[in-house]
Amino acid sequence: MKKVLGFMIPFTLQHIICCGALLFFLISSGLLLKFSQEGQNRIYLLPALFFAAFLIFLYFYYGRCCKQKGHKTFLDHGILLLIYLLISFVVGIIFMIYVFIPSWIPGYQGGPLLP
């Protein structure tokens, strides 16, 4: 049950943010056009993947250090949760910019999405 909730809560929150208020903000501010262009150019894809890999390494490394220590303090739990949330956010942003937006609106040149 713990693994199911650990997967479903970030997944659901990412979709609520992505499909709700964030989408309206991106369209109205013109950032959706910039993200669409970045999704086609892929300039920052490799650095973003390296950053995500570093966060994953840091998460497992810190978890191993806590296991070697024999216990986790409240601070350790907080740090691991923060790193997990950062991983979820970074991977979600990478997916949104480089997979979802280019496949959902290919060739987007700005303006409202609905007539």
N, C-alpha and C. Protein backbone atom coordinates (compact mmCIF):
# COMPACT_ATOMS: atom_id res chain seq x y z
N MET A 1 0.83 -1.20 0.00
CA MET A 1 0.00 0.00 0.00
C MET A 1 0.87 1.26 0.00
N LYS A 2 1.99 1.20 0.73
CA LYS A 2 2.87 2.35 0.82
C LYS A 2 3.47 2.69 -0.54
N LYS A 3 3.83 1.67 -1.32
CA LYS A 3 4.41 1.91 -2.65
C LYS A 3 3.36 2.46 -3.61
N VAL A 4 2.13 1.97 -3.49
CA VAL A 4 1.05 2.46 -4.36
C VAL A 4 0.78 3.93 -4.08
N LEU A 5 0.69 4.30 -2.81
CA LEU A 5 0.46 5.70 -2.47
C LEU A 5 1.66 6.55 -2.84
N GLY A 6 2.87 6.02 -2.68
CA GLY A 6 4.07 6.76 -3.04
C GLY A 6 4.16 7.03 -4.53
N PHE A 7 3.49 6.21 -5.33
CA PHE A 7 3.46 6.43 -6.77
C PHE A 7 2.27 7.29 -7.17
N MET A 8 1.10 7.01 -6.62
CA MET A 8 -0.12 7.66 -7.06
C MET A 8 -0.22 9.12 -6.64
N ILE A 9 0.26 9.46 -5.46
CA ILE A 9 0.14 10.85 -5.00
C ILE A 9 0.95 11.80 -5.87
N PRO A 10 2.25 11.55 -6.13
CA PRO A 10 2.97 12.47 -7.02
C PRO A 10 2.44 12.46 -8.45
N PHE A 11 2.02 11.29 -8.93
CA PHE A 11 1.47 11.17 -10.28
C PHE A 11 0.20 12.01 -10.41
N THR A 12 -0.68 11.91 -9.44
CA THR A 12 -1.94 12.66 -9.48
C THR A 12 -1.68 14.16 -9.33
N LEU A 13 -0.81 14.54 -8.41
CA LEU A 13 -0.51 15.96 -8.24
C LEU A 13 0.12 16.57 -9.49
N GLN A 14 1.00 15.82 -10.13
CA GLN A 14 1.64 16.30 -11.36
C GLN A 14 0.59 16.53 -12.45
N HIS A 15 -0.41 15.64 -12.54
CA HIS A 15 -1.44 15.81 -13.56
C HIS A 15 -2.39 16.95 -13.24
N ILE A 16 -2.69 17.14 -11.97
CA ILE A 16 -3.56 18.26 -11.60
C ILE A 16 -2.86 19.58 -11.93
N ILE A 17 -1.58 19.67 -11.59
CA ILE A 17 -0.83 20.90 -11.88
C ILE A 17 -0.67 21.08 -13.38
N CYS A 18 -0.31 20.00 -14.08
CA CYS A 18 -0.02 20.08 -15.51
C CYS A 18 -1.27 20.42 -16.32
N CYS A 19 -2.37 19.77 -16.01
CA CYS A 19 -3.57 19.91 -16.83
C CYS A 19 -4.49 21.01 -16.35
N GLY A 20 -4.19 21.62 -15.27
CA GLY A 20 -5.07 22.63 -14.72
C GLY A 20 -4.55 24.04 -14.87
N ALA A 21 -4.20 24.60 -13.75
CA ALA A 21 -3.80 26.00 -13.70
C ALA A 21 -2.50 26.26 -14.45
N LEU A 22 -1.60 25.31 -14.43
CA LEU A 22 -0.33 25.52 -15.11
C LEU A 22 -0.51 25.66 -16.62
N LEU A 23 -1.39 24.88 -17.20
CA LEU A 23 -1.63 24.97 -18.64
C LEU A 23 -2.21 26.34 -19.01
N PHE A 24 -3.14 26.84 -18.23
CA PHE A 24 -3.69 28.17 -18.48
C PHE A 24 -2.61 29.24 -18.36
N PHE A 25 -1.75 29.12 -17.34
CA PHE A 25 -0.67 30.08 -17.16
C PHE A 25 0.31 30.02 -18.33
N LEU A 26 0.63 28.83 -18.79
CA LEU A 26 1.58 28.69 -19.89
C LEU A 26 1.05 29.30 -21.18
N ILE A 27 -0.22 29.11 -21.44
CA ILE A 27 -0.81 29.66 -22.66
C ILE A 27 -0.87 31.18 -22.58
N SER A 28 -1.33 31.70 -21.45
CA SER A 28 -1.53 33.14 -21.34
C SER A 28 -0.21 33.91 -21.27
N SER A 29 0.85 33.30 -20.78
CA SER A 29 2.11 34.02 -20.66
C SER A 29 3.03 33.83 -21.86
N GLY A 30 2.70 32.92 -22.74
CA GLY A 30 3.55 32.67 -23.90
C GLY A 30 4.64 31.64 -23.64
N LEU A 31 4.68 31.11 -22.43
CA LEU A 31 5.69 30.11 -22.12
C LEU A 31 5.44 28.78 -22.83
N LEU A 32 4.18 28.51 -23.16
CA LEU A 32 3.89 27.26 -23.88
C LEU A 32 4.57 27.28 -25.25
N LEU A 33 4.62 28.42 -25.89
CA LEU A 33 5.32 28.55 -27.16
C LEU A 33 6.82 28.31 -26.97
N LYS A 34 7.40 28.88 -25.91
CA LYS A 34 8.83 28.67 -25.62
C LYS A 34 9.11 27.20 -25.32
N PHE A 35 8.25 26.57 -24.51
CA PHE A 35 8.44 25.15 -24.19
C PHE A 35 8.27 24.28 -25.42
N SER A 36 7.35 24.66 -26.29
CA SER A 36 7.16 23.91 -27.53
C SER A 36 8.40 24.00 -28.40
N GLN A 37 8.98 25.19 -28.49
CA GLN A 37 10.21 25.35 -29.27
C GLN A 37 11.37 24.59 -28.63
N GLU A 38 11.46 24.60 -27.31
CA GLU A 38 12.51 23.85 -26.62
C GLU A 38 12.32 22.35 -26.80
N GLY A 39 11.07 21.91 -26.83
CA GLY A 39 10.80 20.49 -27.06
C GLY A 39 11.23 20.03 -28.43
N GLN A 40 11.22 20.93 -29.39
CA GLN A 40 11.67 20.58 -30.73
C GLN A 40 13.19 20.73 -30.86
N ASN A 41 13.79 21.71 -30.20
CA ASN A 41 15.23 21.95 -30.31
C ASN A 41 16.05 21.02 -29.43
N ARG A 42 15.54 20.70 -28.24
CA ARG A 42 16.18 19.79 -27.27
C ARG A 42 17.56 20.26 -26.82
N ILE A 43 17.71 21.55 -26.58
CA ILE A 43 18.99 22.10 -26.15
C ILE A 43 19.32 21.69 -24.71
N TYR A 44 18.34 21.74 -23.82
CA TYR A 44 18.57 21.48 -22.41
C TYR A 44 18.22 20.05 -21.99
N LEU A 45 17.97 19.16 -22.93
CA LEU A 45 17.58 17.80 -22.58
C LEU A 45 18.70 17.06 -21.86
N LEU A 46 19.89 17.09 -22.39
CA LEU A 46 21.00 16.36 -21.78
C LEU A 46 21.35 16.89 -20.38
N PRO A 47 21.46 18.21 -20.17
CA PRO A 47 21.70 18.67 -18.79
C PRO A 47 20.58 18.31 -17.83
N ALA A 48 19.34 18.34 -18.30
CA ALA A 48 18.22 17.99 -17.43
C ALA A 48 18.26 16.50 -17.07
N LEU A 49 18.63 15.65 -18.01
CA LEU A 49 18.75 14.22 -17.71
C LEU A 49 19.92 13.96 -16.75
N PHE A 50 21.02 14.68 -16.92
CA PHE A 50 22.14 14.54 -15.98
C PHE A 50 21.73 14.98 -14.57
N PHE A 51 20.96 16.06 -14.47
CA PHE A 51 20.49 16.54 -13.18
C PHE A 51 19.56 15.53 -12.53
N ALA A 52 18.66 14.94 -13.32
CA ALA A 52 17.76 13.91 -12.79
C ALA A 52 18.55 12.68 -12.34
N ALA A 53 19.55 12.28 -13.11
CA ALA A 53 20.38 11.13 -12.72
C ALA A 53 21.16 11.44 -11.44
N PHE A 54 21.65 12.67 -11.31
CA PHE A 54 22.36 13.06 -10.08
C PHE A 54 21.43 13.00 -8.87
N LEU A 55 20.19 13.47 -9.03
CA LEU A 55 19.24 13.42 -7.92
C LEU A 55 18.92 11.99 -7.53
N ILE A 56 18.78 11.11 -8.53
CA ILE A 56 18.51 9.70 -8.23
C ILE A 56 19.70 9.08 -7.50
N PHE A 57 20.92 9.38 -7.96
CA PHE A 57 22.11 8.89 -7.27
C PHE A 57 22.15 9.41 -5.84
N LEU A 58 21.86 10.69 -5.64
CA LEU A 58 21.88 11.29 -4.32
C LEU A 58 20.85 10.64 -3.40
N TYR A 59 19.68 10.33 -3.93
CA TYR A 59 18.62 9.69 -3.15
C TYR A 59 19.09 8.31 -2.66
N PHE A 60 19.62 7.50 -3.56
CA PHE A 60 20.07 6.17 -3.16
C PHE A 60 21.30 6.23 -2.27
N TYR A 61 22.21 7.15 -2.52
CA TYR A 61 23.41 7.29 -1.70
C TYR A 61 23.04 7.70 -0.28
N TYR A 62 22.16 8.67 -0.14
CA TYR A 62 21.76 9.12 1.19
C TYR A 62 20.99 8.04 1.92
N GLY A 63 20.17 7.27 1.19
CA GLY A 63 19.45 6.16 1.79
C GLY A 63 20.40 5.09 2.30
N ARG A 64 21.45 4.80 1.52
CA ARG A 64 22.45 3.82 1.97
C ARG A 64 23.20 4.32 3.20
N CYS A 65 23.49 5.60 3.24
CA CYS A 65 24.18 6.16 4.41
C CYS A 65 23.30 6.03 5.67
N CYS A 66 22.01 6.23 5.51
CA CYS A 66 21.10 6.08 6.65
C CYS A 66 21.02 4.62 7.09
N LYS A 67 21.05 3.68 6.15
CA LYS A 67 21.03 2.26 6.52
C LYS A 67 22.32 1.87 7.23
N GLN A 68 23.45 2.42 6.81
CA GLN A 68 24.72 2.11 7.48
C GLN A 68 24.74 2.69 8.89
N LYS A 69 24.11 3.85 9.04
CA LYS A 69 24.04 4.48 10.35
C LYS A 69 23.15 3.67 11.29
N GLY A 70 22.17 2.99 10.72
CA GLY A 70 21.30 2.13 11.52
C GLY A 70 19.96 2.72 11.87
N HIS A 71 19.78 4.00 11.67
CA HIS A 71 18.49 4.63 11.96
C HIS A 71 18.35 5.90 11.13
N LYS A 72 17.12 6.36 11.02
CA LYS A 72 16.85 7.62 10.33
C LYS A 72 16.23 8.59 11.30
N THR A 73 16.76 9.79 11.31
CA THR A 73 16.19 10.83 12.15
C THR A 73 15.06 11.52 11.37
N PHE A 74 14.40 12.44 12.04
CA PHE A 74 13.34 13.21 11.38
C PHE A 74 13.93 14.03 10.24
N LEU A 75 15.12 14.56 10.43
CA LEU A 75 15.79 15.33 9.38
C LEU A 75 16.12 14.45 8.17
N ASP A 76 16.57 13.21 8.43
CA ASP A 76 16.85 12.28 7.33
C ASP A 76 15.61 11.99 6.51
N HIS A 77 14.49 11.77 7.18
CA HIS A 77 13.24 11.53 6.47
C HIS A 77 12.85 12.76 5.64
N GLY A 78 13.05 13.94 6.20
CA GLY A 78 12.73 15.16 5.47
C GLY A 78 13.62 15.36 4.25
N ILE A 79 14.90 15.08 4.40
CA ILE A 79 15.83 15.23 3.27
C ILE A 79 15.50 14.23 2.17
N LEU A 80 15.22 12.99 2.55
CA LEU A 80 14.86 11.98 1.55
C LEU A 80 13.55 12.33 0.85
N LEU A 81 12.59 12.86 1.59
CA LEU A 81 11.33 13.28 0.98
C LEU A 81 11.55 14.45 0.02
N LEU A 82 12.38 15.40 0.42
CA LEU A 82 12.68 16.55 -0.44
C LEU A 82 13.37 16.11 -1.73
N ILE A 83 14.34 15.20 -1.62
CA ILE A 83 15.02 14.71 -2.81
C ILE A 83 14.05 13.95 -3.71
N TYR A 84 13.15 13.15 -3.10
CA TYR A 84 12.15 12.42 -3.88
C TYR A 84 11.22 13.37 -4.62
N LEU A 85 10.80 14.43 -3.95
CA LEU A 85 9.92 15.41 -4.59
C LEU A 85 10.64 16.14 -5.72
N LEU A 86 11.92 16.44 -5.53
CA LEU A 86 12.71 17.07 -6.60
C LEU A 86 12.84 16.14 -7.80
N ILE A 87 13.08 14.86 -7.55
CA ILE A 87 13.16 13.89 -8.65
C ILE A 87 11.84 13.85 -9.40
N SER A 88 10.74 13.78 -8.66
CA SER A 88 9.43 13.72 -9.30
C SER A 88 9.16 14.97 -10.13
N PHE A 89 9.51 16.13 -9.59
CA PHE A 89 9.29 17.39 -10.30
C PHE A 89 10.15 17.49 -11.56
N VAL A 90 11.44 17.17 -11.44
CA VAL A 90 12.36 17.28 -12.58
C VAL A 90 11.98 16.31 -13.69
N VAL A 91 11.68 15.07 -13.33
CA VAL A 91 11.29 14.08 -14.34
C VAL A 91 9.95 14.46 -14.97
N GLY A 92 9.04 15.01 -14.17
CA GLY A 92 7.75 15.47 -14.71
C GLY A 92 7.93 16.63 -15.69
N ILE A 93 8.79 17.57 -15.37
CA ILE A 93 9.05 18.70 -16.27
C ILE A 93 9.73 18.21 -17.55
N ILE A 94 10.70 17.29 -17.42
CA ILE A 94 11.35 16.75 -18.61
C ILE A 94 10.32 16.06 -19.50
N PHE A 95 9.46 15.26 -18.90
CA PHE A 95 8.43 14.58 -19.69
C PHE A 95 7.50 15.59 -20.35
N MET A 96 7.08 16.60 -19.59
CA MET A 96 6.13 17.57 -20.12
C MET A 96 6.72 18.35 -21.29
N ILE A 97 7.96 18.82 -21.16
CA ILE A 97 8.55 19.66 -22.19
C ILE A 97 8.99 18.85 -23.41
N TYR A 98 9.60 17.69 -23.19
CA TYR A 98 10.23 16.97 -24.30
C TYR A 98 9.39 15.85 -24.89
N VAL A 99 8.34 15.42 -24.21
CA VAL A 99 7.50 14.34 -24.75
C VAL A 99 6.07 14.81 -24.95
N PHE A 100 5.45 15.33 -23.89
CA PHE A 100 4.02 15.62 -23.94
C PHE A 100 3.67 16.80 -24.84
N ILE A 101 4.32 17.93 -24.65
CA ILE A 101 3.97 19.13 -25.43
C ILE A 101 4.24 18.93 -26.92
N PRO A 102 5.40 18.39 -27.34
CA PRO A 102 5.60 18.19 -28.78
C PRO A 102 4.64 17.17 -29.40
N SER A 103 4.22 16.17 -28.64
CA SER A 103 3.28 15.19 -29.21
C SER A 103 1.84 15.70 -29.16
N TRP A 104 1.52 16.54 -28.17
CA TRP A 104 0.16 17.01 -28.03
C TRP A 104 -0.14 18.14 -29.01
N ILE A 105 0.78 19.07 -29.16
CA ILE A 105 0.58 20.20 -30.07
C ILE A 105 1.79 20.35 -30.98
N PRO A 106 1.98 19.46 -31.94
CA PRO A 106 3.13 19.60 -32.83
C PRO A 106 2.99 20.85 -33.70
N GLY A 107 4.06 21.57 -33.85
CA GLY A 107 4.06 22.76 -34.70
C GLY A 107 3.31 23.93 -34.09
N TYR A 108 3.19 24.01 -32.77
CA TYR A 108 2.49 25.10 -32.11
C TYR A 108 3.22 26.42 -32.37
N GLN A 109 2.51 27.42 -32.88
CA GLN A 109 3.11 28.71 -33.19
C GLN A 109 2.57 29.84 -32.33
N GLY A 110 1.89 29.52 -31.25
CA GLY A 110 1.37 30.53 -30.34
C GLY A 110 -0.14 30.70 -30.52
N GLY A 111 -0.73 31.41 -29.59
CA GLY A 111 -2.15 31.67 -29.62
C GLY A 111 -2.93 30.65 -28.82
N PRO A 112 -4.25 30.86 -28.73
CA PRO A 112 -5.09 29.92 -27.95
C PRO A 112 -5.15 28.56 -28.63
N LEU A 113 -5.32 27.52 -27.83
CA LEU A 113 -5.38 26.17 -28.37
C LEU A 113 -6.77 25.81 -28.86
N LEU A 114 -7.78 26.35 -28.22
CA LEU A 114 -9.16 26.06 -28.61
C LEU A 114 -9.73 27.23 -29.40
N PRO A 115 -10.56 26.97 -30.41
CA PRO A 115 -11.14 28.08 -31.19
C PRO A 115 -12.15 28.88 -30.42
